[in-house]
PDB file of N, CA and C in Angstrom:
ATOM      1  N   UNK A   1      -0.494 -22.615 -26.296  1.00  0.00           N
ATOM      2  CA  UNK A   1      -0.676 -21.929 -25.020  1.00  0.00           C
ATOM      3  C   UNK A   1      -2.041 -22.319 -24.445  1.00  0.00           C
ATOM      4  N   UNK A   2      -2.019 -22.773 -23.191  1.00  0.00           N
ATOM      5  CA  UNK A   2      -3.273 -23.178 -22.550  1.00  0.00           C
ATOM      6  C   UNK A   2      -3.853 -22.015 -21.765  1.00  0.00           C
ATOM      7  N   UNK A   3      -5.151 -21.853 -21.854  1.00  0.00           N
ATOM      8  CA  UNK A   3      -5.820 -20.802 -21.093  1.00  0.00           C
ATOM      9  C   UNK A   3      -6.310 -21.371 -19.772  1.00  0.00           C
ATOM     10  N   UNK A   4      -6.030 -20.660 -18.695  1.00  0.00           N
ATOM     11  CA  UNK A   4      -6.469 -21.111 -17.377  1.00  0.00           C
ATOM     12  C   UNK A   4      -7.923 -20.724 -17.171  1.00  0.00           C
ATOM     13  N   UNK A   5      -8.663 -21.613 -16.573  1.00  0.00           N
ATOM     14  CA  UNK A   5     -10.049 -21.287 -16.242  1.00  0.00           C
ATOM     15  C   UNK A   5     -10.072 -20.435 -14.975  1.00  0.00           C
ATOM     16  N   UNK A   6     -11.233 -19.901 -14.677  1.00  0.00           N
ATOM     17  CA  UNK A   6     -11.360 -19.072 -13.484  1.00  0.00           C
ATOM     18  C   UNK A   6     -11.049 -19.845 -12.212  1.00  0.00           C
ATOM     19  N   UNK A   7     -11.477 -21.111 -12.164  1.00  0.00           N
ATOM     20  CA  UNK A   7     -11.222 -21.929 -10.971  1.00  0.00           C
ATOM     21  C   UNK A   7      -9.728 -22.193 -10.806  1.00  0.00           C
ATOM     22  N   UNK A   8      -9.053 -22.466 -11.911  1.00  0.00           N
ATOM     23  CA  UNK A   8      -7.602 -22.690 -11.835  1.00  0.00           C
ATOM     24  C   UNK A   8      -6.887 -21.431 -11.359  1.00  0.00           C
ATOM     25  N   UNK A   9      -7.279 -20.293 -11.918  1.00  0.00           N
ATOM     26  CA  UNK A   9      -6.641 -19.032 -11.527  1.00  0.00           C
ATOM     27  C   UNK A   9      -6.884 -18.747 -10.045  1.00  0.00           C
ATOM     28  N   UNK A  10      -8.105 -18.997  -9.578  1.00  0.00           N
ATOM     29  CA  UNK A  10      -8.429 -18.776  -8.173  1.00  0.00           C
ATOM     30  C   UNK A  10      -7.620 -19.708  -7.273  1.00  0.00           C
ATOM     31  N   UNK A  11      -7.482 -20.959  -7.685  1.00  0.00           N
ATOM     32  CA  UNK A  11      -6.732 -21.928  -6.878  1.00  0.00           C
ATOM     33  C   UNK A  11      -5.261 -21.524  -6.782  1.00  0.00           C
ATOM     34  N   UNK A  12      -4.663 -21.133  -7.901  1.00  0.00           N
ATOM     35  CA  UNK A  12      -3.262 -20.717  -7.888  1.00  0.00           C
ATOM     36  C   UNK A  12      -3.084 -19.439  -7.077  1.00  0.00           C
ATOM     37  N   UNK A  13      -4.025 -18.516  -7.192  1.00  0.00           N
ATOM     38  CA  UNK A  13      -3.942 -17.280  -6.414  1.00  0.00           C
ATOM     39  C   UNK A  13      -4.056 -17.573  -4.929  1.00  0.00           C
ATOM     40  N   UNK A  14      -4.931 -18.511  -4.561  1.00  0.00           N
ATOM     41  CA  UNK A  14      -5.109 -18.873  -3.156  1.00  0.00           C
ATOM     42  C   UNK A  14      -3.819 -19.482  -2.605  1.00  0.00           C
ATOM     43  N   UNK A  15      -3.208 -20.415  -3.341  1.00  0.00           N
ATOM     44  CA  UNK A  15      -1.956 -21.010  -2.883  1.00  0.00           C
ATOM     45  C   UNK A  15      -0.863 -19.957  -2.778  1.00  0.00           C
ATOM     46  N   UNK A  16      -0.809 -19.028  -3.745  1.00  0.00           N
ATOM     47  CA  UNK A  16       0.199 -17.970  -3.715  1.00  0.00           C
ATOM     48  C   UNK A  16       0.019 -17.084  -2.485  1.00  0.00           C
ATOM     49  N   UNK A  17      -1.232 -16.704  -2.200  1.00  0.00           N
ATOM     50  CA  UNK A  17      -1.511 -15.844  -1.039  1.00  0.00           C
ATOM     51  C   UNK A  17      -1.145 -16.570   0.253  1.00  0.00           C
ATOM     52  N   UNK A  18      -1.467 -17.855   0.344  1.00  0.00           N
ATOM     53  CA  UNK A  18      -1.126 -18.623   1.548  1.00  0.00           C
ATOM     54  C   UNK A  18       0.383 -18.688   1.738  1.00  0.00           C
ATOM     55  N   UNK A  19       1.119 -18.904   0.643  1.00  0.00           N
ATOM     56  CA  UNK A  19       2.585 -18.954   0.739  1.00  0.00           C
ATOM     57  C   UNK A  19       3.153 -17.604   1.168  1.00  0.00           C
ATOM     58  N   UNK A  20       2.627 -16.520   0.594  1.00  0.00           N
ATOM     59  CA  UNK A  20       3.112 -15.184   0.950  1.00  0.00           C
ATOM     60  C   UNK A  20       2.808 -14.881   2.412  1.00  0.00           C
ATOM     61  N   UNK A  21       1.596 -15.242   2.876  1.00  0.00           N
ATOM     62  CA  UNK A  21       1.245 -14.996   4.272  1.00  0.00           C
ATOM     63  C   UNK A  21       2.120 -15.805   5.217  1.00  0.00           C
ATOM     64  N   UNK A  22       2.416 -17.054   4.871  1.00  0.00           N
ATOM     65  CA  UNK A  22       3.271 -17.885   5.707  1.00  0.00           C
ATOM     66  C   UNK A  22       4.686 -17.308   5.773  1.00  0.00           C
ATOM     67  N   UNK A  23       5.198 -16.870   4.642  1.00  0.00           N
ATOM     68  CA  UNK A  23       6.534 -16.280   4.611  1.00  0.00           C
ATOM     69  C   UNK A  23       6.581 -14.991   5.419  1.00  0.00           C
ATOM     70  N   UNK A  24       5.555 -14.151   5.263  1.00  0.00           N
ATOM     71  CA  UNK A  24       5.488 -12.900   6.008  1.00  0.00           C
ATOM     72  C   UNK A  24       5.410 -13.173   7.514  1.00  0.00           C
ATOM     73  N   UNK A  25       4.605 -14.149   7.898  1.00  0.00           N
ATOM     74  CA  UNK A  25       4.496 -14.495   9.313  1.00  0.00           C
ATOM     75  C   UNK A  25       5.803 -15.003   9.881  1.00  0.00           C
ATOM     76  N   UNK A  26       6.512 -15.819   9.110  1.00  0.00           N
ATOM     77  CA  UNK A  26       7.808 -16.331   9.561  1.00  0.00           C
ATOM     78  C   UNK A  26       8.817 -15.200   9.731  1.00  0.00           C
ATOM     79  N   UNK A  27       8.831 -14.270   8.779  1.00  0.00           N
ATOM     80  CA  UNK A  27       9.741 -13.124   8.872  1.00  0.00           C
ATOM     81  C   UNK A  27       9.397 -12.271  10.088  1.00  0.00           C
ATOM     82  N   UNK A  28       8.102 -12.012  10.299  1.00  0.00           N
ATOM     83  CA  UNK A  28       7.696 -11.208  11.448  1.00  0.00           C
ATOM     84  C   UNK A  28       8.051 -11.915  12.761  1.00  0.00           C
ATOM     85  N   UNK A  29       7.924 -13.233  12.796  1.00  0.00           N
ATOM     86  CA  UNK A  29       8.276 -13.993  13.992  1.00  0.00           C
ATOM     87  C   UNK A  29       9.775 -13.881  14.268  1.00  0.00           C
ATOM     88  N   UNK A  30      10.582 -13.950  13.204  1.00  0.00           N
ATOM     89  CA  UNK A  30      12.030 -13.840  13.385  1.00  0.00           C
ATOM     90  C   UNK A  30      12.426 -12.435  13.821  1.00  0.00           C
ATOM     91  N   UNK A  31      11.780 -11.419  13.252  1.00  0.00           N
ATOM     92  CA  UNK A  31      12.127 -10.034  13.590  1.00  0.00           C
ATOM     93  C   UNK A  31      11.731  -9.722  15.022  1.00  0.00           C
ATOM     94  N   UNK A  32      10.535 -10.161  15.422  1.00  0.00           N
ATOM     95  CA  UNK A  32      10.024  -9.764  16.736  1.00  0.00           C
ATOM     96  C   UNK A  32       9.954 -10.943  17.696  1.00  0.00           C
ATOM     97  N   UNK A  33      10.893 -11.870  17.616  1.00  0.00           N
ATOM     98  CA  UNK A  33      10.812 -13.073  18.449  1.00  0.00           C
ATOM     99  C   UNK A  33      10.960 -12.735  19.929  1.00  0.00           C
ATOM    100  N   UNK A  34      11.866 -11.821  20.255  1.00  0.00           N
ATOM    101  CA  UNK A  34      12.085 -11.523  21.670  1.00  0.00           C
ATOM    102  C   UNK A  34      10.870 -10.851  22.310  1.00  0.00           C
ATOM    103  N   UNK A  35      10.308  -9.771  21.751  1.00  0.00           N
ATOM    104  CA  UNK A  35       9.098  -9.188  22.351  1.00  0.00           C
ATOM    105  C   UNK A  35       7.932 -10.170  22.363  1.00  0.00           C
ATOM    106  N   UNK A  36       7.829 -11.018  21.346  1.00  0.00           N
ATOM    107  CA  UNK A  36       6.738 -11.988  21.270  1.00  0.00           C
ATOM    108  C   UNK A  36       6.872 -12.990  22.408  1.00  0.00           C
ATOM    109  N   UNK A  37       8.095 -13.487  22.614  1.00  0.00           N
ATOM    110  CA  UNK A  37       8.305 -14.459  23.688  1.00  0.00           C
ATOM    111  C   UNK A  37       8.059 -13.806  25.044  1.00  0.00           C
ATOM    112  N   UNK A  38       8.481 -12.552  25.215  1.00  0.00           N
ATOM    113  CA  UNK A  38       8.251 -11.860  26.480  1.00  0.00           C
ATOM    114  C   UNK A  38       6.761 -11.682  26.747  1.00  0.00           C
ATOM    115  N   UNK A  39       6.002 -11.356  25.705  1.00  0.00           N
ATOM    116  CA  UNK A  39       4.569 -11.098  25.874  1.00  0.00           C
ATOM    117  C   UNK A  39       3.826 -12.373  26.242  1.00  0.00           C
ATOM    118  N   UNK A  40       4.232 -13.517  25.700  1.00  0.00           N
ATOM    119  CA  UNK A  40       3.473 -14.744  25.899  1.00  0.00           C
ATOM    120  C   UNK A  40       3.934 -15.573  27.090  1.00  0.00           C
ATOM    121  N   UNK A  41       5.175 -15.393  27.522  1.00  0.00           N
ATOM    122  CA  UNK A  41       5.698 -16.273  28.563  1.00  0.00           C
ATOM    123  C   UNK A  41       6.058 -15.529  29.853  1.00  0.00           C
ATOM    124  N   UNK A  42       5.422 -14.406  30.096  1.00  0.00           N
ATOM    125  CA  UNK A  42       5.655 -13.684  31.360  1.00  0.00           C
ATOM    126  C   UNK A  42       4.763 -14.216  32.447  1.00  0.00           C
TER     127      UNK A  42
END
């Protein structure tokens, strides 16, 4: 079993957070696409 260093753990956590934020943003865009489009293109 290999032990991860602090830098490795931080890097993996950063990539995980970025992926979660991107997924959350995509879901929010799909849920609220109509109000979003109305707000920006009026």
